[in-house]
Amino acid sequence: MTAPRLSLPEVEKLARAAHAGQTDKAGRPYAEHLAAVADGVRARGGDDDQIAAAWLHDSVEDDALTERWLAAAPLSDRTKTVVLALTRRPGEPPESYAGRILGTPGALLVKEADLAHNADPGRLAVLDEATRERLTEKYARMRALLGLPA
């Protein structure tokens, strides 16, 4: 008998705990970004697997949770696959990263919500000009590689 899967509230609680104490580039609690991405996935018609992946999309990349934990976690295989697709590898070229996202069903919607929140003018406005320009260019390039509108 398999263990029951984590509910979305349980995934949210786990993600918030895993990222506790982390902040984004603007100094805001990192969980605010995770919540915004999960809300963005929901608003774009994403399903529960994608919403769970949104909560966890940076967890392995940021070392908040391990790949080993993810493999054993009571989550759908689809959620795990999307999280891994969204986990950028050290030194990985943007083209390879975008290709993996495009090749993973369900991942593009989560990445679209992630990019939308990352590029939010209100979030970028609090950064210094050089950082704002660098990130704006980075996010625009990734949108182009993914075939998303500017």
N, C-alpha and C. Protein backbone atom coordinates (compact mmCIF):
# COMPACT_ATOMS: atom_id res chain seq x y z
N MET A 1 0.84 -1.18 0.00
CA MET A 1 0.00 0.00 0.00
C MET A 1 0.89 1.25 0.00
N THR A 2 0.59 2.18 -0.88
CA THR A 2 1.39 3.40 -0.95
C THR A 2 0.85 4.43 0.03
N ALA A 3 1.76 5.26 0.49
CA ALA A 3 1.37 6.33 1.42
C ALA A 3 0.54 7.36 0.68
N PRO A 4 -0.39 8.00 1.36
CA PRO A 4 -1.18 9.05 0.71
C PRO A 4 -0.27 10.21 0.31
N ARG A 5 -0.64 10.86 -0.78
CA ARG A 5 0.14 12.02 -1.25
C ARG A 5 -0.10 13.22 -0.36
N LEU A 6 0.89 14.09 -0.34
CA LEU A 6 0.75 15.34 0.39
C LEU A 6 -0.34 16.18 -0.25
N SER A 7 -1.16 16.80 0.56
CA SER A 7 -2.17 17.73 0.05
C SER A 7 -1.48 19.04 -0.30
N LEU A 8 -2.16 19.90 -1.06
CA LEU A 8 -1.57 21.19 -1.39
C LEU A 8 -1.26 22.02 -0.14
N PRO A 9 -2.15 22.07 0.88
CA PRO A 9 -1.76 22.79 2.10
C PRO A 9 -0.52 22.19 2.78
N GLU A 10 -0.37 20.87 2.71
CA GLU A 10 0.82 20.24 3.29
C GLU A 10 2.07 20.59 2.48
N VAL A 11 1.94 20.62 1.15
CA VAL A 11 3.08 21.00 0.30
C VAL A 11 3.47 22.45 0.59
N GLU A 12 2.48 23.32 0.70
CA GLU A 12 2.75 24.72 1.02
C GLU A 12 3.49 24.84 2.35
N LYS A 13 3.01 24.16 3.36
CA LYS A 13 3.64 24.22 4.68
C LYS A 13 5.08 23.72 4.62
N LEU A 14 5.28 22.63 3.91
CA LEU A 14 6.61 22.06 3.76
C LEU A 14 7.55 23.02 3.03
N ALA A 15 7.06 23.64 1.94
CA ALA A 15 7.88 24.57 1.17
C ALA A 15 8.22 25.81 2.00
N ARG A 16 7.24 26.31 2.73
CA ARG A 16 7.50 27.48 3.58
C ARG A 16 8.56 27.15 4.64
N ALA A 17 8.46 25.97 5.23
CA ALA A 17 9.44 25.56 6.25
C ALA A 17 10.83 25.35 5.62
N ALA A 18 10.87 24.74 4.45
CA ALA A 18 12.15 24.47 3.79
C ALA A 18 12.88 25.76 3.43
N HIS A 19 12.14 26.79 3.08
CA HIS A 19 12.73 28.07 2.67
C HIS A 19 12.72 29.10 3.80
N ALA A 20 12.35 28.70 5.01
CA ALA A 20 12.31 29.63 6.14
C ALA A 20 13.67 30.29 6.32
N GLY A 21 13.64 31.59 6.53
CA GLY A 21 14.88 32.33 6.71
C GLY A 21 15.52 32.80 5.41
N GLN A 22 15.07 32.28 4.27
CA GLN A 22 15.60 32.73 2.98
C GLN A 22 14.85 33.97 2.53
N THR A 23 15.56 34.83 1.82
CA THR A 23 14.95 36.03 1.26
C THR A 23 15.26 36.11 -0.22
N ASP A 24 14.44 36.88 -0.94
CA ASP A 24 14.70 37.09 -2.36
C ASP A 24 15.71 38.24 -2.51
N LYS A 25 16.00 38.60 -3.76
CA LYS A 25 17.00 39.65 -4.03
C LYS A 25 16.60 41.00 -3.43
N ALA A 26 15.32 41.20 -3.19
CA ALA A 26 14.84 42.46 -2.60
C ALA A 26 14.77 42.40 -1.08
N GLY A 27 15.15 41.24 -0.51
CA GLY A 27 15.12 41.10 0.93
C GLY A 27 13.79 40.65 1.51
N ARG A 28 12.85 40.30 0.65
CA ARG A 28 11.53 39.83 1.08
C ARG A 28 11.61 38.33 1.42
N PRO A 29 10.75 37.85 2.31
CA PRO A 29 10.73 36.41 2.61
C PRO A 29 10.51 35.60 1.31
N TYR A 30 11.33 34.58 1.11
CA TYR A 30 11.28 33.81 -0.13
C TYR A 30 9.92 33.14 -0.33
N ALA A 31 9.24 32.82 0.75
CA ALA A 31 7.93 32.16 0.64
C ALA A 31 6.93 33.03 -0.11
N GLU A 32 7.11 34.35 -0.10
CA GLU A 32 6.22 35.23 -0.87
C GLU A 32 6.32 34.92 -2.36
N HIS A 33 7.54 34.64 -2.84
CA HIS A 33 7.73 34.28 -4.25
C HIS A 33 7.04 32.94 -4.53
N LEU A 34 7.24 31.98 -3.67
CA LEU A 34 6.62 30.67 -3.89
C LEU A 34 5.10 30.78 -3.95
N ALA A 35 4.53 31.55 -3.04
CA ALA A 35 3.07 31.75 -3.03
C ALA A 35 2.61 32.43 -4.31
N ALA A 36 3.36 33.42 -4.77
CA ALA A 36 2.98 34.12 -6.00
C ALA A 36 3.04 33.20 -7.21
N VAL A 37 4.05 32.34 -7.26
CA VAL A 37 4.15 31.40 -8.38
C VAL A 37 3.00 30.38 -8.33
N ALA A 38 2.72 29.87 -7.13
CA ALA A 38 1.59 28.93 -6.99
C ALA A 38 0.28 29.60 -7.40
N ASP A 39 0.07 30.84 -6.97
CA ASP A 39 -1.13 31.59 -7.38
C ASP A 39 -1.16 31.81 -8.88
N GLY A 40 0.00 32.10 -9.47
CA GLY A 40 0.09 32.31 -10.91
C GLY A 40 -0.23 31.05 -11.69
N VAL A 41 0.21 29.90 -11.18
CA VAL A 41 -0.10 28.63 -11.83
C VAL A 41 -1.61 28.38 -11.74
N ARG A 42 -2.17 28.61 -10.58
CA ARG A 42 -3.62 28.42 -10.39
C ARG A 42 -4.40 29.34 -11.34
N ALA A 43 -4.00 30.60 -11.43
CA ALA A 43 -4.69 31.58 -12.29
C ALA A 43 -4.57 31.23 -13.77
N ARG A 44 -3.51 30.51 -14.14
CA ARG A 44 -3.31 30.11 -15.53
C ARG A 44 -3.97 28.76 -15.84
N GLY A 45 -4.73 28.23 -14.88
CA GLY A 45 -5.44 26.97 -15.11
C GLY A 45 -4.64 25.73 -14.78
N GLY A 46 -3.55 25.89 -14.04
CA GLY A 46 -2.75 24.73 -13.66
C GLY A 46 -3.48 23.79 -12.74
N ASP A 47 -3.09 22.54 -12.76
CA ASP A 47 -3.72 21.52 -11.91
C ASP A 47 -2.94 21.37 -10.60
N ASP A 48 -3.41 20.49 -9.74
CA ASP A 48 -2.80 20.31 -8.42
C ASP A 48 -1.34 19.89 -8.51
N ASP A 49 -0.99 19.04 -9.48
CA ASP A 49 0.41 18.63 -9.64
C ASP A 49 1.29 19.84 -9.96
N GLN A 50 0.80 20.72 -10.81
CA GLN A 50 1.57 21.90 -11.18
C GLN A 50 1.64 22.91 -10.03
N ILE A 51 0.56 23.03 -9.27
CA ILE A 51 0.57 23.94 -8.13
C ILE A 51 1.56 23.43 -7.08
N ALA A 52 1.56 22.13 -6.84
CA ALA A 52 2.54 21.55 -5.90
C ALA A 52 3.96 21.81 -6.40
N ALA A 53 4.18 21.63 -7.70
CA ALA A 53 5.51 21.89 -8.28
C ALA A 53 5.88 23.36 -8.13
N ALA A 54 4.90 24.25 -8.24
CA ALA A 54 5.18 25.68 -8.07
C ALA A 54 5.70 25.96 -6.67
N TRP A 55 5.08 25.36 -5.68
CA TRP A 55 5.54 25.55 -4.30
C TRP A 55 6.96 25.03 -4.11
N LEU A 56 7.32 23.99 -4.86
CA LEU A 56 8.62 23.32 -4.67
C LEU A 56 9.63 23.65 -5.76
N HIS A 57 9.29 24.54 -6.69
CA HIS A 57 10.11 24.70 -7.90
C HIS A 57 11.55 25.12 -7.66
N ASP A 58 11.85 25.79 -6.58
CA ASP A 58 13.22 26.20 -6.28
C ASP A 58 13.85 25.40 -5.15
N SER A 59 13.14 24.43 -4.60
CA SER A 59 13.60 23.77 -3.38
C SER A 59 14.89 22.98 -3.57
N VAL A 60 15.03 22.27 -4.67
CA VAL A 60 16.25 21.48 -4.90
C VAL A 60 17.38 22.41 -5.35
N GLU A 61 17.06 23.30 -6.27
CA GLU A 61 18.07 24.25 -6.78
C GLU A 61 18.66 25.09 -5.65
N ASP A 62 17.85 25.50 -4.70
CA ASP A 62 18.30 26.33 -3.58
C ASP A 62 18.80 25.52 -2.38
N ASP A 63 18.89 24.20 -2.54
CA ASP A 63 19.33 23.31 -1.46
C ASP A 63 18.42 23.38 -0.23
N ALA A 64 17.18 23.77 -0.42
CA ALA A 64 16.21 23.77 0.68
C ALA A 64 15.74 22.34 0.94
N LEU A 65 15.67 21.54 -0.11
CA LEU A 65 15.36 20.12 -0.03
C LEU A 65 16.31 19.39 -0.98
N THR A 66 16.53 18.12 -0.74
CA THR A 66 17.46 17.38 -1.60
C THR A 66 16.70 16.62 -2.68
N GLU A 67 17.44 16.29 -3.73
CA GLU A 67 16.86 15.47 -4.80
C GLU A 67 16.45 14.10 -4.24
N ARG A 68 17.20 13.62 -3.29
CA ARG A 68 16.88 12.34 -2.66
C ARG A 68 15.55 12.44 -1.90
N TRP A 69 15.36 13.55 -1.17
CA TRP A 69 14.09 13.76 -0.47
C TRP A 69 12.95 13.77 -1.48
N LEU A 70 13.14 14.52 -2.57
CA LEU A 70 12.10 14.63 -3.59
C LEU A 70 11.74 13.26 -4.16
N ALA A 71 12.73 12.45 -4.44
CA ALA A 71 12.48 11.12 -5.02
C ALA A 71 11.60 10.27 -4.11
N ALA A 72 11.79 10.42 -2.80
CA ALA A 72 11.05 9.59 -1.84
C ALA A 72 9.76 10.26 -1.34
N ALA A 73 9.55 11.50 -1.68
CA ALA A 73 8.42 12.27 -1.16
C ALA A 73 7.08 11.71 -1.65
N PRO A 74 6.05 11.81 -0.81
CA PRO A 74 4.72 11.36 -1.22
C PRO A 74 4.03 12.41 -2.12
N LEU A 75 4.59 12.52 -3.33
CA LEU A 75 4.08 13.44 -4.35
C LEU A 75 3.88 12.64 -5.62
N SER A 76 3.09 13.18 -6.54
CA SER A 76 2.90 12.50 -7.81
C SER A 76 4.21 12.49 -8.60
N ASP A 77 4.38 11.49 -9.45
CA ASP A 77 5.56 11.45 -10.31
C ASP A 77 5.61 12.69 -11.19
N ARG A 78 4.46 13.17 -11.61
CA ARG A 78 4.41 14.36 -12.47
C ARG A 78 4.94 15.58 -11.73
N THR A 79 4.54 15.77 -10.48
CA THR A 79 5.05 16.89 -9.69
C THR A 79 6.57 16.79 -9.58
N LYS A 80 7.07 15.62 -9.25
CA LYS A 80 8.51 15.42 -9.10
C LYS A 80 9.25 15.72 -10.41
N THR A 81 8.70 15.26 -11.52
CA THR A 81 9.32 15.49 -12.82
C THR A 81 9.36 16.96 -13.16
N VAL A 82 8.28 17.68 -12.87
CA VAL A 82 8.24 19.12 -13.15
C VAL A 82 9.26 19.85 -12.27
N VAL A 83 9.32 19.51 -10.98
CA VAL A 83 10.30 20.15 -10.09
C VAL A 83 11.71 19.93 -10.63
N LEU A 84 12.03 18.71 -11.02
CA LEU A 84 13.37 18.44 -11.53
C LEU A 84 13.63 19.16 -12.85
N ALA A 85 12.61 19.28 -13.69
CA ALA A 85 12.78 20.02 -14.95
C ALA A 85 13.09 21.49 -14.68
N LEU A 86 12.53 22.04 -13.61
CA LEU A 86 12.73 23.44 -13.27
C LEU A 86 13.98 23.69 -12.43
N THR A 87 14.68 22.62 -12.07
CA THR A 87 15.89 22.74 -11.26
C THR A 87 17.08 22.97 -12.17
N ARG A 88 17.59 24.17 -12.13
CA ARG A 88 18.74 24.53 -12.96
C ARG A 88 20.00 23.89 -12.39
N ARG A 89 20.78 23.30 -13.26
CA ARG A 89 22.04 22.67 -12.87
C ARG A 89 23.17 23.71 -12.90
N PRO A 90 24.15 23.59 -12.02
CA PRO A 90 25.28 24.53 -12.04
C PRO A 90 25.96 24.53 -13.41
N GLY A 91 26.16 25.72 -13.94
CA GLY A 91 26.84 25.87 -15.22
C GLY A 91 26.02 25.50 -16.45
N GLU A 92 24.75 25.19 -16.24
CA GLU A 92 23.90 24.75 -17.34
C GLU A 92 23.57 25.92 -18.27
N PRO A 93 23.77 25.75 -19.57
CA PRO A 93 23.40 26.81 -20.51
C PRO A 93 21.89 27.04 -20.52
N PRO A 94 21.46 28.28 -20.68
CA PRO A 94 20.02 28.58 -20.71
C PRO A 94 19.27 27.76 -21.77
N GLU A 95 19.91 27.50 -22.90
CA GLU A 95 19.25 26.73 -23.97
C GLU A 95 18.93 25.31 -23.52
N SER A 96 19.83 24.69 -22.77
CA SER A 96 19.59 23.33 -22.26
C SER A 96 18.47 23.33 -21.23
N TYR A 97 18.52 24.32 -20.35
CA TYR A 97 17.48 24.46 -19.33
C TYR A 97 16.12 24.65 -19.98
N ALA A 98 16.03 25.55 -20.94
CA ALA A 98 14.76 25.79 -21.64
C ALA A 98 14.29 24.54 -22.37
N GLY A 99 15.21 23.82 -22.99
CA GLY A 99 14.85 22.59 -23.70
C GLY A 99 14.25 21.55 -22.78
N ARG A 100 14.80 21.42 -21.58
CA ARG A 100 14.26 20.46 -20.61
C ARG A 100 12.86 20.86 -20.17
N ILE A 101 12.66 22.16 -19.94
CA ILE A 101 11.33 22.65 -19.55
C ILE A 101 10.32 22.36 -20.66
N LEU A 102 10.70 22.69 -21.90
CA LEU A 102 9.79 22.47 -23.03
C LEU A 102 9.51 20.99 -23.27
N GLY A 103 10.44 20.13 -22.88
CA GLY A 103 10.27 18.69 -23.07
C GLY A 103 9.57 17.99 -21.93
N THR A 104 9.16 18.75 -20.91
CA THR A 104 8.52 18.16 -19.73
C THR A 104 7.08 18.65 -19.63
N PRO A 105 6.12 17.78 -19.90
CA PRO A 105 4.72 18.20 -19.82
C PRO A 105 4.38 18.84 -18.47
N GLY A 106 3.79 20.02 -18.53
CA GLY A 106 3.36 20.72 -17.32
C GLY A 106 4.37 21.72 -16.78
N ALA A 107 5.62 21.63 -17.21
CA ALA A 107 6.67 22.50 -16.64
C ALA A 107 6.59 23.93 -17.17
N LEU A 108 6.21 24.10 -18.43
CA LEU A 108 6.21 25.44 -19.02
C LEU A 108 5.26 26.38 -18.28
N LEU A 109 4.09 25.91 -17.90
CA LEU A 109 3.14 26.75 -17.19
C LEU A 109 3.71 27.23 -15.86
N VAL A 110 4.40 26.35 -15.16
CA VAL A 110 5.00 26.73 -13.87
C VAL A 110 6.12 27.75 -14.11
N LYS A 111 6.94 27.51 -15.12
CA LYS A 111 8.03 28.45 -15.40
C LYS A 111 7.47 29.79 -15.86
N GLU A 112 6.39 29.79 -16.61
CA GLU A 112 5.77 31.04 -17.03
C GLU A 112 5.33 31.86 -15.81
N ALA A 113 4.72 31.20 -14.83
CA ALA A 113 4.30 31.90 -13.61
C ALA A 113 5.51 32.39 -12.82
N ASP A 114 6.57 31.60 -12.79
CA ASP A 114 7.80 31.98 -12.11
C ASP A 114 8.41 33.22 -12.76
N LEU A 115 8.53 33.20 -14.08
CA LEU A 115 9.10 34.35 -14.80
C LEU A 115 8.23 35.59 -14.63
N ALA A 116 6.92 35.41 -14.65
CA ALA A 116 6.02 36.56 -14.50
C ALA A 116 6.24 37.24 -13.14
N HIS A 117 6.39 36.44 -12.10
CA HIS A 117 6.61 37.05 -10.78
C HIS A 117 8.02 37.62 -10.68
N ASN A 118 9.01 36.91 -11.20
CA ASN A 118 10.38 37.42 -11.15
C ASN A 118 10.51 38.76 -11.86
N ALA A 119 9.79 38.92 -12.97
CA ALA A 119 9.90 40.13 -13.79
C ALA A 119 8.89 41.21 -13.40
N ASP A 120 8.15 40.99 -12.33
CA ASP A 120 7.16 41.97 -11.90
C ASP A 120 7.85 43.32 -11.66
N PRO A 121 7.37 44.37 -12.32
CA PRO A 121 8.02 45.69 -12.16
C PRO A 121 8.12 46.15 -10.71
N GLY A 122 7.14 45.83 -9.90
CA GLY A 122 7.18 46.22 -8.50
C GLY A 122 8.32 45.55 -7.74
N ARG A 123 8.59 44.29 -8.07
CA ARG A 123 9.71 43.58 -7.44
C ARG A 123 11.03 44.12 -7.93
N LEU A 124 11.11 44.37 -9.24
CA LEU A 124 12.37 44.83 -9.82
C LEU A 124 12.70 46.26 -9.40
N ALA A 125 11.68 47.08 -9.15
CA ALA A 125 11.88 48.50 -8.84
C ALA A 125 12.73 48.73 -7.60
N VAL A 126 12.73 47.80 -6.67
CA VAL A 126 13.48 48.00 -5.43
C VAL A 126 14.95 47.61 -5.55
N LEU A 127 15.33 47.05 -6.69
CA LEU A 127 16.71 46.63 -6.91
C LEU A 127 17.53 47.77 -7.49
N ASP A 128 18.85 47.69 -7.34
CA ASP A 128 19.70 48.70 -7.96
C ASP A 128 19.61 48.56 -9.48
N GLU A 129 19.94 49.63 -10.17
CA GLU A 129 19.73 49.68 -11.63
C GLU A 129 20.48 48.57 -12.38
N ALA A 130 21.72 48.30 -12.02
CA ALA A 130 22.50 47.27 -12.71
C ALA A 130 21.86 45.89 -12.54
N THR A 131 21.43 45.58 -11.32
CA THR A 131 20.79 44.29 -11.07
C THR A 131 19.46 44.21 -11.80
N ARG A 132 18.69 45.28 -11.75
CA ARG A 132 17.39 45.33 -12.44
C ARG A 132 17.57 45.08 -13.93
N GLU A 133 18.53 45.75 -14.54
CA GLU A 133 18.76 45.58 -15.99
C GLU A 133 19.23 44.17 -16.32
N ARG A 134 20.14 43.63 -15.50
CA ARG A 134 20.65 42.28 -15.73
C ARG A 134 19.52 41.25 -15.65
N LEU A 135 18.70 41.36 -14.61
CA LEU A 135 17.60 40.40 -14.44
C LEU A 135 16.53 40.57 -15.51
N THR A 136 16.22 41.80 -15.87
CA THR A 136 15.22 42.03 -16.92
C THR A 136 15.66 41.36 -18.22
N GLU A 137 16.93 41.51 -18.55
CA GLU A 137 17.47 40.88 -19.76
C GLU A 137 17.46 39.35 -19.65
N LYS A 138 17.84 38.84 -18.49
CA LYS A 138 17.86 37.39 -18.25
C LYS A 138 16.46 36.79 -18.41
N TYR A 139 15.47 37.43 -17.80
CA TYR A 139 14.11 36.90 -17.87
C TYR A 139 13.54 37.01 -19.28
N ALA A 140 13.85 38.09 -19.98
CA ALA A 140 13.37 38.24 -21.36
C ALA A 140 13.99 37.17 -22.26
N ARG A 141 15.26 36.90 -22.06
CA ARG A 141 15.92 35.86 -22.87
C ARG A 141 15.29 34.49 -22.62
N MET A 142 15.01 34.18 -21.36
CA MET A 142 14.40 32.88 -21.05
C MET A 142 12.99 32.81 -21.65
N ARG A 143 12.24 33.88 -21.57
CA ARG A 143 10.89 33.89 -22.18
C ARG A 143 11.01 33.60 -23.67
N ALA A 144 11.98 34.21 -24.33
CA ALA A 144 12.17 34.00 -25.77
C ALA A 144 12.55 32.55 -26.05
N LEU A 145 13.46 31.98 -25.26
CA LEU A 145 13.86 30.59 -25.46
C LEU A 145 12.69 29.63 -25.27
N LEU A 146 11.76 30.01 -24.41
CA LEU A 146 10.59 29.16 -24.13
C LEU A 146 9.43 29.45 -25.07
N GLY A 147 9.58 30.45 -25.94
CA GLY A 147 8.50 30.78 -26.87
C GLY A 147 7.34 31.49 -26.20
N LEU A 148 7.62 32.15 -25.08
CA LEU A 148 6.57 32.89 -24.37
C LEU A 148 6.55 34.34 -24.87
N PRO A 149 5.39 34.97 -24.91
CA PRO A 149 5.34 36.37 -25.34
C PRO A 149 6.13 37.28 -24.40
N ALA A 150 6.66 38.35 -24.96
CA ALA A 150 7.48 39.28 -24.17
C ALA A 150 6.64 40.00 -23.13
